[in-house]
Amino acid sequence: MRAIIAGGTGFIGQSLITELQENGWDIVVLSRSPGKVASIFGSGVIGMRWDNGDWPDLLGPETVIVNLAGENIAAGRWTRARKERILNSRIKAGERIVEVVRRSGVAPAALIQASAVGYYGPRGTELIDETADSGDGFLAEVTRRWEASTLALEEMGVRRVIIRTGVVLGNGGALERMLPPFRFFLGGPLGSGLQGVSWIHMADEVGAIRFLMENEETSGAYNLTAPTPVRFRKFARILGQTLNRPHWLKVPAFVLRLLFGDMADEALLSGQLVLPARLLRAGYGFRFPNLEEALADLLV
């Protein structure tokens, strides 16, 4: 089987490519800079340009497209211009994939469409699964439109899977940004610490994506989160214990709002407790279902 991956040089994309290569997949990465693809992955991964590459010729029943493309939402303060870039980077990538498939007249076996648990908006104490409606706020709007950007492929008969990913714990990403305060004995919850953290170990993130790529009976939305979401207060406690560091020093909400603006309220001070109900029913077995095991694997 062959995977054509948009966003393959990102945090999740790089780990996904390793997972797929270890399981016999051929990989093509869509990029504005194929040279960057070669420098990251070497000769075992083919980089092709979005606009003038030969990747449309590779479509067919042996090919799955994985659309992870989109600007990092946590890379800086959400100015109006940055919000537009976050949204447009996602919508344009999806629309371009649809356009190429339609023009080629050849459908892939499936499309894996990235999304995020921000789709559900802030949810407080409520445990939610894929049956929950979309919520309010910028992130909910972005994820709705991100998911909708490739909806037309379903009308062409393509199996489409939407992956609503939580906080991915791996070597980099959100965990890397959390570690310095804890290592300098300054770690603790953000704001009240009551916000939900729907997390997933990188091994399960990419394992679940491969599972959905290979399982022809799956379609629709799947939450990619561990089955044991926690409140941030508990997350901070387990992280501190794993590092043998204190975990009681709170970061006040007003400080986060001064530093990050709107991003603080939507991405740091609120959250969701999301369950992977459909993924479990489909038969996926988590390698790291508990936070203690996940953090120990990554940090100890």
C-alpha atoms as a PDB file:
ATOM      1  CA  MET A   1       0.000   0.000   0.000  1.00  0.00           C
ATOM      2  CA  ARG A   2       0.994   3.605  -0.592  1.00  0.00           C
ATOM      3  CA  ALA A   3       0.345   6.675   1.561  1.00  0.00           C
ATOM      4  CA  ILE A   4       0.311  10.212   0.177  1.00  0.00           C
ATOM      5  CA  ILE A   5       0.734  12.492   3.177  1.00  0.00           C
ATOM      6  CA  ALA A   6       0.090  16.231   3.341  1.00  0.00           C
ATOM      7  CA  GLY A   7       1.741  17.710   6.418  1.00  0.00           C
ATOM      8  CA  GLY A   8       4.212  14.848   6.658  1.00  0.00           C
ATOM      9  CA  THR A   9       7.087  16.972   7.981  1.00  0.00           C
ATOM     10  CA  GLY A  10       5.132  18.079  11.065  1.00  0.00           C
ATOM     11  CA  PHE A  11       5.125  16.714  14.612  1.00  0.00           C
ATOM     12  CA  ILE A  12       2.604  13.928  13.999  1.00  0.00           C
ATOM     13  CA  GLY A  13       3.525  13.428  10.356  1.00  0.00           C
ATOM     14  CA  GLN A  14       7.127  12.450  11.038  1.00  0.00           C
ATOM     15  CA  SER A  15       6.138   9.814  13.597  1.00  0.00           C
ATOM     16  CA  LEU A  16       3.382   8.528  11.313  1.00  0.00           C
ATOM     17  CA  ILE A  17       5.845   8.041   8.472  1.00  0.00           C
ATOM     18  CA  THR A  18       8.112   5.989  10.748  1.00  0.00           C
ATOM     19  CA  GLU A  19       5.118   3.862  11.803  1.00  0.00           C
ATOM     20  CA  LEU A  20       4.039   3.270   8.217  1.00  0.00           C
ATOM     21  CA  GLN A  21       7.517   2.485   6.940  1.00  0.00           C
ATOM     22  CA  GLU A  22       7.967  -0.112   9.678  1.00  0.00           C
ATOM     23  CA  ASN A  23       4.769  -1.754   8.476  1.00  0.00           C
ATOM     24  CA  GLY A  24       5.517  -1.962   4.784  1.00  0.00           C
ATOM     25  CA  TRP A  25       3.930   1.210   3.403  1.00  0.00           C
ATOM     26  CA  ASP A  26       5.443   3.265   0.571  1.00  0.00           C
ATOM     27  CA  ILE A  27       5.415   6.978   1.407  1.00  0.00           C
ATOM     28  CA  VAL A  28       4.975  10.132  -0.672  1.00  0.00           C
ATOM     29  CA  VAL A  29       5.010  13.478   1.147  1.00  0.00           C
ATOM     30  CA  LEU A  30       3.396  16.541  -0.424  1.00  0.00           C
ATOM     31  CA  SER A  31       5.459  19.633   0.277  1.00  0.00           C
ATOM     32  CA  ARG A  32       6.324  23.053  -1.072  1.00  0.00           C
ATOM     33  CA  SER A  33       9.966  22.019  -0.481  1.00  0.00           C
ATOM     34  CA  PRO A  34      10.705  18.418  -1.562  1.00  0.00           C
ATOM     35  CA  GLY A  35      14.311  19.039  -0.600  1.00  0.00           C
ATOM     36  CA  LYS A  36      13.218  19.423   3.023  1.00  0.00           C
ATOM     37  CA  VAL A  37      11.493  16.046   2.807  1.00  0.00           C
ATOM     38  CA  ALA A  38      14.727  14.430   1.598  1.00  0.00           C
ATOM     39  CA  SER A  39      16.766  16.072   4.363  1.00  0.00           C
ATOM     40  CA  ILE A  40      14.389  14.790   7.068  1.00  0.00           C
ATOM     41  CA  PHE A  41      13.627  11.287   5.835  1.00  0.00           C
ATOM     42  CA  GLY A  42      16.387  10.381   3.393  1.00  0.00           C
ATOM     43  CA  SER A  43      15.882   8.428   0.200  1.00  0.00           C
ATOM     44  CA  GLY A  44      13.193   6.118   1.606  1.00  0.00           C
ATOM     45  CA  VAL A  45      10.485   8.795   1.352  1.00  0.00           C
ATOM     46  CA  ILE A  46       9.552  10.599  -1.863  1.00  0.00           C
ATOM     47  CA  GLY A  47       8.823  14.321  -1.701  1.00  0.00           C
ATOM     48  CA  MET A  48       6.553  15.834  -4.335  1.00  0.00           C
ATOM     49  CA  ARG A  49       5.314  19.360  -4.889  1.00  0.00           C
ATOM     50  CA  TRP A  50       1.647  20.095  -4.343  1.00  0.00           C
ATOM     51  CA  ASP A  51       1.243  21.927  -7.622  1.00  0.00           C
ATOM     52  CA  ASN A  52       3.451  20.309 -10.249  1.00  0.00           C
ATOM     53  CA  GLY A  53       4.369  16.880  -8.898  1.00  0.00           C
ATOM     54  CA  ASP A  54       3.301  13.540 -10.333  1.00  0.00           C
ATOM     55  CA  TRP A  55       1.346  12.493  -7.259  1.00  0.00           C
ATOM     56  CA  PRO A  56      -2.081  12.500  -8.990  1.00  0.00           C
ATOM     57  CA  ASP A  57      -0.772   9.610 -11.120  1.00  0.00           C
ATOM     58  CA  LEU A  58      -0.383   7.573  -7.924  1.00  0.00           C
ATOM     59  CA  LEU A  59      -4.075   7.654  -6.998  1.00  0.00           C
ATOM     60  CA  GLY A  60      -6.016   4.419  -7.050  1.00  0.00           C
ATOM     61  CA  PRO A  61      -7.210   1.522  -4.877  1.00  0.00           C
ATOM     62  CA  GLU A  62      -3.739   0.953  -3.378  1.00  0.00           C
ATOM     63  CA  THR A  63      -3.321   4.548  -2.166  1.00  0.00           C
ATOM     64  CA  VAL A  64      -4.546   6.282   0.985  1.00  0.00           C
ATOM     65  CA  ILE A  65      -4.283  10.073   1.326  1.00  0.00           C
ATOM     66  CA  VAL A  66      -3.574  11.437   4.806  1.00  0.00           C
ATOM     67  CA  ASN A  67      -4.294  15.151   5.179  1.00  0.00           C
ATOM     68  CA  LEU A  68      -2.483  16.536   8.230  1.00  0.00           C
ATOM     69  CA  ALA A  69      -1.702  19.912   6.659  1.00  0.00           C
ATOM     70  CA  GLY A  70      -2.267  23.050   8.717  1.00  0.00           C
ATOM     71  CA  GLU A  71      -0.363  25.786  10.509  1.00  0.00           C
ATOM     72  CA  ASN A  72       0.460  25.097  14.169  1.00  0.00           C
ATOM     73  CA  ILE A  73      -2.206  26.698  16.377  1.00  0.00           C
ATOM     74  CA  ALA A  74       0.165  27.006  19.358  1.00  0.00           C
ATOM     75  CA  ALA A  75       3.082  28.727  17.636  1.00  0.00           C
ATOM     76  CA  GLY A  76       2.169  32.243  18.754  1.00  0.00           C
ATOM     77  CA  ARG A  77      -0.456  34.748  19.878  1.00  0.00           C
ATOM     78  CA  TRP A  78      -3.701  34.632  17.903  1.00  0.00           C
ATOM     79  CA  THR A  79      -3.733  37.914  16.024  1.00  0.00           C
ATOM     80  CA  ARG A  80      -6.377  38.394  13.366  1.00  0.00           C
ATOM     81  CA  ALA A  81      -3.821  37.680  10.644  1.00  0.00           C
ATOM     82  CA  ARG A  82      -2.621  34.545  12.416  1.00  0.00           C
ATOM     83  CA  LYS A  83      -6.175  33.250  12.809  1.00  0.00           C
ATOM     84  CA  GLU A  84      -6.670  33.678   9.082  1.00  0.00           C
ATOM     85  CA  ARG A  85      -3.483  31.738   8.359  1.00  0.00           C
ATOM     86  CA  ILE A  86      -4.503  28.934  10.737  1.00  0.00           C
ATOM     87  CA  LEU A  87      -7.889  28.616   9.055  1.00  0.00           C
ATOM     88  CA  ASN A  88      -6.809  29.101   5.442  1.00  0.00           C
ATOM     89  CA  SER A  89      -3.877  26.686   5.664  1.00  0.00           C
ATOM     90  CA  ARG A  90      -6.316  23.927   6.562  1.00  0.00           C
ATOM     91  CA  ILE A  91      -9.143  24.749   4.182  1.00  0.00           C
ATOM     92  CA  LYS A  92      -6.924  25.291   1.144  1.00  0.00           C
ATOM     93  CA  ALA A  93      -5.091  21.993   1.622  1.00  0.00           C
ATOM     94  CA  GLY A  94      -8.353  20.055   1.799  1.00  0.00           C
ATOM     95  CA  GLU A  95      -9.860  21.843  -1.169  1.00  0.00           C
ATOM     96  CA  ARG A  96      -6.728  21.223  -3.224  1.00  0.00           C
ATOM     97  CA  ILE A  97      -6.874  17.495  -2.530  1.00  0.00           C
ATOM     98  CA  VAL A  98     -10.524  17.388  -3.604  1.00  0.00           C
ATOM     99  CA  GLU A  99      -9.736  19.331  -6.760  1.00  0.00           C
ATOM    100  CA  VAL A 100      -6.896  16.990  -7.765  1.00  0.00           C
ATOM    101  CA  VAL A 101      -8.946  13.840  -7.142  1.00  0.00           C
ATOM    102  CA  ARG A 102     -11.872  15.230  -9.115  1.00  0.00           C
ATOM    103  CA  ARG A 103      -9.657  16.315 -12.003  1.00  0.00           C
ATOM    104  CA  SER A 104      -7.793  13.010 -12.142  1.00  0.00           C
ATOM    105  CA  GLY A 105     -10.974  10.965 -12.249  1.00  0.00           C
ATOM    106  CA  VAL A 106      -9.282   8.297 -10.101  1.00  0.00           C
ATOM    107  CA  ALA A 107     -10.310   7.870  -6.475  1.00  0.00           C
ATOM    108  CA  PRO A 108      -7.938   6.838  -3.667  1.00  0.00           C
ATOM    109  CA  ALA A 109      -8.842   3.947  -1.394  1.00  0.00           C
ATOM    110  CA  ALA A 110      -9.451   6.338   1.491  1.00  0.00           C
ATOM    111  CA  LEU A 111      -8.770   9.771   2.895  1.00  0.00           C
ATOM    112  CA  ILE A 112      -7.740  10.333   6.512  1.00  0.00           C
ATOM    113  CA  GLN A 113      -8.741  13.902   7.371  1.00  0.00           C
ATOM    114  CA  ALA A 114      -7.135  15.560  10.389  1.00  0.00           C
ATOM    115  CA  SER A 115      -9.192  17.461  12.943  1.00  0.00           C
ATOM    116  CA  ALA A 116      -9.014  18.061  16.696  1.00  0.00           C
ATOM    117  CA  VAL A 117     -11.059  17.753  19.878  1.00  0.00           C
ATOM    118  CA  GLY A 118     -11.419  21.526  19.769  1.00  0.00           C
ATOM    119  CA  TYR A 119     -14.359  20.644  17.524  1.00  0.00           C
ATOM    120  CA  TYR A 120     -16.430  20.105  20.675  1.00  0.00           C
ATOM    121  CA  GLY A 121     -15.615  23.484  22.236  1.00  0.00           C
ATOM    122  CA  PRO A 122     -15.182  23.976  26.004  1.00  0.00           C
ATOM    123  CA  ARG A 123     -17.163  21.269  27.820  1.00  0.00           C
ATOM    124  CA  GLY A 124     -16.426  21.534  31.544  1.00  0.00           C
ATOM    125  CA  THR A 125     -17.070  18.312  33.463  1.00  0.00           C
ATOM    126  CA  GLU A 126     -19.011  16.530  30.706  1.00  0.00           C
ATOM    127  CA  LEU A 127     -17.608  13.268  29.342  1.00  0.00           C
ATOM    128  CA  ILE A 128     -18.227  13.299  25.598  1.00  0.00           C
ATOM    129  CA  ASP A 129     -17.740  11.008  22.612  1.00  0.00           C
ATOM    130  CA  GLU A 130     -18.271  11.279  18.854  1.00  0.00           C
ATOM    131  CA  THR A 131     -22.043  11.716  19.287  1.00  0.00           C
ATOM    132  CA  ALA A 132     -21.551  15.179  20.820  1.00  0.00           C
ATOM    133  CA  ASP A 133     -22.336  18.256  18.753  1.00  0.00           C
ATOM    134  CA  SER A 134     -19.732  20.810  17.774  1.00  0.00           C
ATOM    135  CA  GLY A 135     -19.168  23.641  20.245  1.00  0.00           C
ATOM    136  CA  ASP A 136     -18.454  27.352  20.163  1.00  0.00           C
ATOM    137  CA  GLY A 137     -15.320  29.399  19.621  1.00  0.00           C
ATOM    138  CA  PHE A 138     -12.531  29.815  17.092  1.00  0.00           C
ATOM    139  CA  LEU A 139     -11.160  26.285  17.395  1.00  0.00           C
ATOM    140  CA  ALA A 140     -14.590  24.754  16.922  1.00  0.00           C
ATOM    141  CA  GLU A 141     -15.121  26.841  13.799  1.00  0.00           C
ATOM    142  CA  VAL A 142     -11.687  25.935  12.431  1.00  0.00           C
ATOM    143  CA  THR A 143     -12.203  22.209  12.943  1.00  0.00           C
ATOM    144  CA  ARG A 144     -15.706  22.245  11.437  1.00  0.00           C
ATOM    145  CA  ARG A 145     -14.440  23.937   8.299  1.00  0.00           C
ATOM    146  CA  TRP A 146     -11.297  21.777   8.251  1.00  0.00           C
ATOM    147  CA  GLU A 147     -13.417  18.641   8.271  1.00  0.00           C
ATOM    148  CA  ALA A 148     -15.795  20.047   5.663  1.00  0.00           C
ATOM    149  CA  SER A 149     -12.925  20.920   3.280  1.00  0.00           C
ATOM    150  CA  THR A 150     -12.772  17.313   2.023  1.00  0.00           C
ATOM    151  CA  LEU A 151     -16.442  16.362   2.405  1.00  0.00           C
ATOM    152  CA  ALA A 152     -16.922  16.304  -1.375  1.00  0.00           C
ATOM    153  CA  LEU A 153     -14.755  13.180  -1.604  1.00  0.00           C
ATOM    154  CA  GLU A 154     -17.518  11.164   0.043  1.00  0.00           C
ATOM    155  CA  GLU A 155     -19.775  12.075  -2.872  1.00  0.00           C
ATOM    156  CA  MET A 156     -17.118  10.568  -5.152  1.00  0.00           C
ATOM    157  CA  GLY A 157     -17.325   7.290  -3.244  1.00  0.00           C
ATOM    158  CA  VAL A 158     -14.123   7.723  -1.220  1.00  0.00           C
ATOM    159  CA  ARG A 159     -14.013   6.250   2.282  1.00  0.00           C
ATOM    160  CA  ARG A 160     -13.321   9.268   4.492  1.00  0.00           C
ATOM    161  CA  VAL A 161     -12.161   9.064   8.105  1.00  0.00           C
ATOM    162  CA  ILE A 162     -11.969  12.154  10.338  1.00  0.00           C
ATOM    163  CA  ILE A 163      -9.479  12.003  13.214  1.00  0.00           C
ATOM    164  CA  ARG A 164     -10.286  14.374  16.083  1.00  0.00           C
ATOM    165  CA  THR A 165      -6.980  14.388  17.904  1.00  0.00           C
ATOM    166  CA  GLY A 166      -6.353  15.456  21.486  1.00  0.00           C
ATOM    167  CA  VAL A 167      -3.103  16.628  23.118  1.00  0.00           C
ATOM    168  CA  VAL A 168      -0.411  14.407  21.612  1.00  0.00           C
ATOM    169  CA  LEU A 169       2.332  13.461  24.070  1.00  0.00           C
ATOM    170  CA  GLY A 170       5.654  12.778  22.389  1.00  0.00           C
ATOM    171  CA  ASN A 171       9.184  14.051  21.942  1.00  0.00           C
ATOM    172  CA  GLY A 172       8.254  17.613  21.105  1.00  0.00           C
ATOM    173  CA  GLY A 173       4.888  19.332  20.853  1.00  0.00           C
ATOM    174  CA  ALA A 174       2.866  20.324  23.901  1.00  0.00           C
ATOM    175  CA  LEU A 175       4.811  18.153  26.352  1.00  0.00           C
ATOM    176  CA  GLU A 176       8.107  19.769  25.416  1.00  0.00           C
ATOM    177  CA  ARG A 177       6.628  23.202  26.184  1.00  0.00           C
ATOM    178  CA  MET A 178       5.326  22.003  29.576  1.00  0.00           C
ATOM    179  CA  LEU A 179       8.593  20.528  30.835  1.00  0.00           C
ATOM    180  CA  PRO A 180      10.865  23.541  31.588  1.00  0.00           C
ATOM    181  CA  PRO A 181       8.795  24.965  34.501  1.00  0.00           C
ATOM    182  CA  PHE A 182       8.598  21.537  36.125  1.00  0.00           C
ATOM    183  CA  ARG A 183      12.310  20.888  35.710  1.00  0.00           C
ATOM    184  CA  PHE A 184      13.049  24.233  37.394  1.00  0.00           C
ATOM    185  CA  PHE A 185      10.698  23.402  40.300  1.00  0.00           C
ATOM    186  CA  LEU A 186       8.043  25.874  39.065  1.00  0.00           C
ATOM    187  CA  GLY A 187       5.470  23.462  37.612  1.00  0.00           C
ATOM    188  CA  GLY A 188       1.777  23.346  38.289  1.00  0.00           C
ATOM    189  CA  PRO A 189      -1.712  23.757  36.840  1.00  0.00           C
ATOM    190  CA  LEU A 190      -2.757  26.459  34.417  1.00  0.00           C
ATOM    191  CA  GLY A 191      -5.504  28.663  35.839  1.00  0.00           C
ATOM    192  CA  SER A 192      -7.965  26.695  37.960  1.00  0.00           C
ATOM    193  CA  GLY A 193      -6.575  23.357  36.798  1.00  0.00           C
ATOM    194  CA  LEU A 194     -10.130  22.073  36.331  1.00  0.00           C
ATOM    195  CA  GLN A 195     -10.066  22.102  32.524  1.00  0.00           C
ATOM    196  CA  GLY A 196     -10.120  18.742  30.805  1.00  0.00           C
ATOM    197  CA  VAL A 197      -7.019  17.346  29.082  1.00  0.00           C
ATOM    198  CA  SER A 198      -7.819  14.747  26.423  1.00  0.00           C
ATOM    199  CA  TRP A 199      -4.373  13.348  25.755  1.00  0.00           C
ATOM    200  CA  ILE A 200      -2.876  10.543  23.657  1.00  0.00           C
ATOM    201  CA  HIS A 201       0.619   9.040  23.477  1.00  0.00           C
ATOM    202  CA  MET A 202       2.268   9.505  20.089  1.00  0.00           C
ATOM    203  CA  ALA A 203       2.567   5.721  19.710  1.00  0.00           C
ATOM    204  CA  ASP A 204      -1.224   5.446  19.919  1.00  0.00           C
ATOM    205  CA  GLU A 205      -1.800   8.503  17.742  1.00  0.00           C
ATOM    206  CA  VAL A 206       0.099   7.006  14.835  1.00  0.00           C
ATOM    207  CA  GLY A 207      -0.986   3.466  15.662  1.00  0.00           C
ATOM    208  CA  ALA A 208      -4.621   4.518  15.520  1.00  0.00           C
ATOM    209  CA  ILE A 209      -4.140   6.394  12.259  1.00  0.00           C
ATOM    210  CA  ARG A 210      -2.563   3.311  10.673  1.00  0.00           C
ATOM    211  CA  PHE A 211      -5.372   1.166  12.088  1.00  0.00           C
ATOM    212  CA  LEU A 212      -7.952   3.432  10.422  1.00  0.00           C
ATOM    213  CA  MET A 213      -6.002   3.514   7.169  1.00  0.00           C
ATOM    214  CA  GLU A 214      -5.901  -0.273   6.990  1.00  0.00           C
ATOM    215  CA  ASN A 215      -9.391  -1.050   8.331  1.00  0.00           C
ATOM    216  CA  GLU A 216     -11.726  -0.727   5.360  1.00  0.00           C
ATOM    217  CA  GLU A 217     -14.825  -0.909   7.556  1.00  0.00           C
ATOM    218  CA  THR A 218     -14.076   2.392   9.300  1.00  0.00           C
ATOM    219  CA  SER A 219     -15.440   5.745   8.191  1.00  0.00           C
ATOM    220  CA  GLY A 220     -16.689   8.959   9.740  1.00  0.00           C
ATOM    221  CA  ALA A 221     -15.362  10.712  12.852  1.00  0.00           C
ATOM    222  CA  TYR A 222     -13.093   9.077  15.433  1.00  0.00           C
ATOM    223  CA  ASN A 223     -11.702  10.676  18.577  1.00  0.00           C
ATOM    224  CA  LEU A 224      -7.977  10.016  18.854  1.00  0.00           C
ATOM    225  CA  THR A 225      -7.617  10.348  22.601  1.00  0.00           C
ATOM    226  CA  ALA A 226      -6.682   7.924  25.357  1.00  0.00           C
ATOM    227  CA  PRO A 227      -9.659   6.381  27.186  1.00  0.00           C
ATOM    228  CA  THR A 228      -8.649   8.132  30.454  1.00  0.00           C
ATOM    229  CA  PRO A 229      -8.848  11.917  30.020  1.00  0.00           C
ATOM    230  CA  VAL A 230      -7.949  13.942  33.133  1.00  0.00           C
ATOM    231  CA  ARG A 231      -8.267  17.434  34.510  1.00  0.00           C
ATOM    232  CA  PHE A 232      -5.181  19.609  34.176  1.00  0.00           C
ATOM    233  CA  ARG A 233      -4.702  19.588  37.940  1.00  0.00           C
ATOM    234  CA  LYS A 234      -4.253  15.803  37.835  1.00  0.00           C
ATOM    235  CA  PHE A 235      -2.137  16.008  34.687  1.00  0.00           C
ATOM    236  CA  ALA A 236       0.241  18.418  36.465  1.00  0.00           C
ATOM    237  CA  ARG A 237       0.405  16.169  39.536  1.00  0.00           C
ATOM    238  CA  ILE A 238       1.289  13.061  37.503  1.00  0.00           C
ATOM    239  CA  LEU A 239       3.811  14.993  35.414  1.00  0.00           C
ATOM    240  CA  GLY A 240       5.462  16.362  38.568  1.00  0.00           C
ATOM    241  CA  GLN A 241       5.599  12.928  40.166  1.00  0.00           C
ATOM    242  CA  THR A 242       7.085  11.415  37.007  1.00  0.00           C
ATOM    243  CA  LEU A 243       9.840  14.047  37.014  1.00  0.00           C
ATOM    244  CA  ASN A 244      10.204  13.952  40.823  1.00  0.00           C
ATOM    245  CA  ARG A 245       9.383  17.656  40.932  1.00  0.00           C
ATOM    246  CA  PRO A 246       6.748  19.749  42.744  1.00  0.00           C
ATOM    247  CA  HIS A 247       3.476  20.386  40.936  1.00  0.00           C
ATOM    248  CA  TRP A 248       1.616  22.931  43.050  1.00  0.00           C
ATOM    249  CA  LEU A 249       2.608  26.319  41.591  1.00  0.00           C
ATOM    250  CA  LYS A 250      -0.364  27.616  39.592  1.00  0.00           C
ATOM    251  CA  VAL A 251      -0.041  29.960  36.637  1.00  0.00           C
ATOM    252  CA  PRO A 252      -2.812  32.569  37.116  1.00  0.00           C
ATOM    253  CA  ALA A 253      -5.334  32.904  34.335  1.00  0.00           C
ATOM    254  CA  PHE A 254      -4.743  36.648  33.962  1.00  0.00           C
ATOM    255  CA  VAL A 255      -1.027  36.026  33.245  1.00  0.00           C
ATOM    256  CA  LEU A 256      -1.884  33.574  30.474  1.00  0.00           C
ATOM    257  CA  ARG A 257      -4.400  36.005  28.990  1.00  0.00           C
ATOM    258  CA  LEU A 258      -1.782  38.776  28.985  1.00  0.00           C
ATOM    259  CA  LEU A 259       0.709  36.511  27.244  1.00  0.00           C
ATOM    260  CA  PHE A 260      -1.552  34.707  24.777  1.00  0.00           C
ATOM    261  CA  GLY A 261      -4.784  36.696  24.425  1.00  0.00           C
ATOM    262  CA  ASP A 262      -7.756  34.720  23.049  1.00  0.00           C
ATOM    263  CA  MET A 263      -5.611  31.631  22.709  1.00  0.00           C
ATOM    264  CA  ALA A 264      -5.368  31.371  26.511  1.00  0.00           C
ATOM    265  CA  ASP A 265      -9.129  31.012  27.003  1.00  0.00           C
ATOM    266  CA  GLU A 266      -9.666  28.502  24.210  1.00  0.00           C
ATOM    267  CA  ALA A 267      -6.488  26.408  24.223  1.00  0.00           C
ATOM    268  CA  LEU A 268      -5.089  26.676  27.772  1.00  0.00           C
ATOM    269  CA  LEU A 269      -7.797  27.570  30.300  1.00  0.00           C
ATOM    270  CA  SER A 270     -10.626  25.425  28.943  1.00  0.00           C
ATOM    271  CA  GLY A 271     -10.808  21.932  27.547  1.00  0.00           C
ATOM    272  CA  GLN A 272     -12.784  18.759  27.071  1.00  0.00           C
ATOM    273  CA  LEU A 273     -12.977  15.280  28.570  1.00  0.00           C
ATOM    274  CA  VAL A 274     -13.198  13.266  25.347  1.00  0.00           C
ATOM    275  CA  LEU A 275     -13.567   9.500  25.027  1.00  0.00           C
ATOM    276  CA  PRO A 276     -12.481   7.418  21.988  1.00  0.00           C
ATOM    277  CA  ALA A 277     -15.742   5.450  21.907  1.00  0.00           C
ATOM    278  CA  ARG A 278     -15.791   4.596  18.200  1.00  0.00           C
ATOM    279  CA  LEU A 279     -12.099   3.696  18.101  1.00  0.00           C
ATOM    280  CA  LEU A 280     -12.550   1.244  20.967  1.00  0.00           C
ATOM    281  CA  ARG A 281     -15.635  -0.273  19.337  1.00  0.00           C
ATOM    282  CA  ALA A 282     -13.681  -0.709  16.107  1.00  0.00           C
ATOM    283  CA  GLY A 283     -11.181  -2.848  18.006  1.00  0.00           C
ATOM    284  CA  TYR A 284      -8.154  -0.611  18.456  1.00  0.00           C
ATOM    285  CA  GLY A 285      -6.044  -1.626  21.473  1.00  0.00           C
ATOM    286  CA  PHE A 286      -4.232   1.226  23.223  1.00  0.00           C
ATOM    287  CA  ARG A 287      -0.572   0.719  24.096  1.00  0.00           C
ATOM    288  CA  PHE A 288      -0.734   3.522  26.673  1.00  0.00           C
ATOM    289  CA  PRO A 289      -4.258   3.868  28.086  1.00  0.00           C
ATOM    290  CA  ASN A 290      -3.095   5.482  31.354  1.00  0.00           C
ATOM    291  CA  LEU A 291      -1.290   8.796  31.802  1.00  0.00           C
ATOM    292  CA  GLU A 292       1.218   7.444  34.336  1.00  0.00           C
ATOM    293  CA  GLU A 293       2.429   4.808  31.868  1.00  0.00           C
ATOM    294  CA  ALA A 294       2.504   7.257  28.973  1.00  0.00           C
ATOM    295  CA  LEU A 295       4.599   9.875  30.783  1.00  0.00           C
ATOM    296  CA  ALA A 296       6.926   7.251  32.248  1.00  0.00           C
ATOM    297  CA  ASP A 297       7.573   5.878  28.770  1.00  0.00           C
ATOM    298  CA  LEU A 298       8.432   9.333  27.435  1.00  0.00           C
ATOM    299  CA  LEU A 299      10.323  10.825  30.377  1.00  0.00           C
ATOM    300  CA  VAL A 300      11.881   8.118  32.546  1.00  0.00           C
END
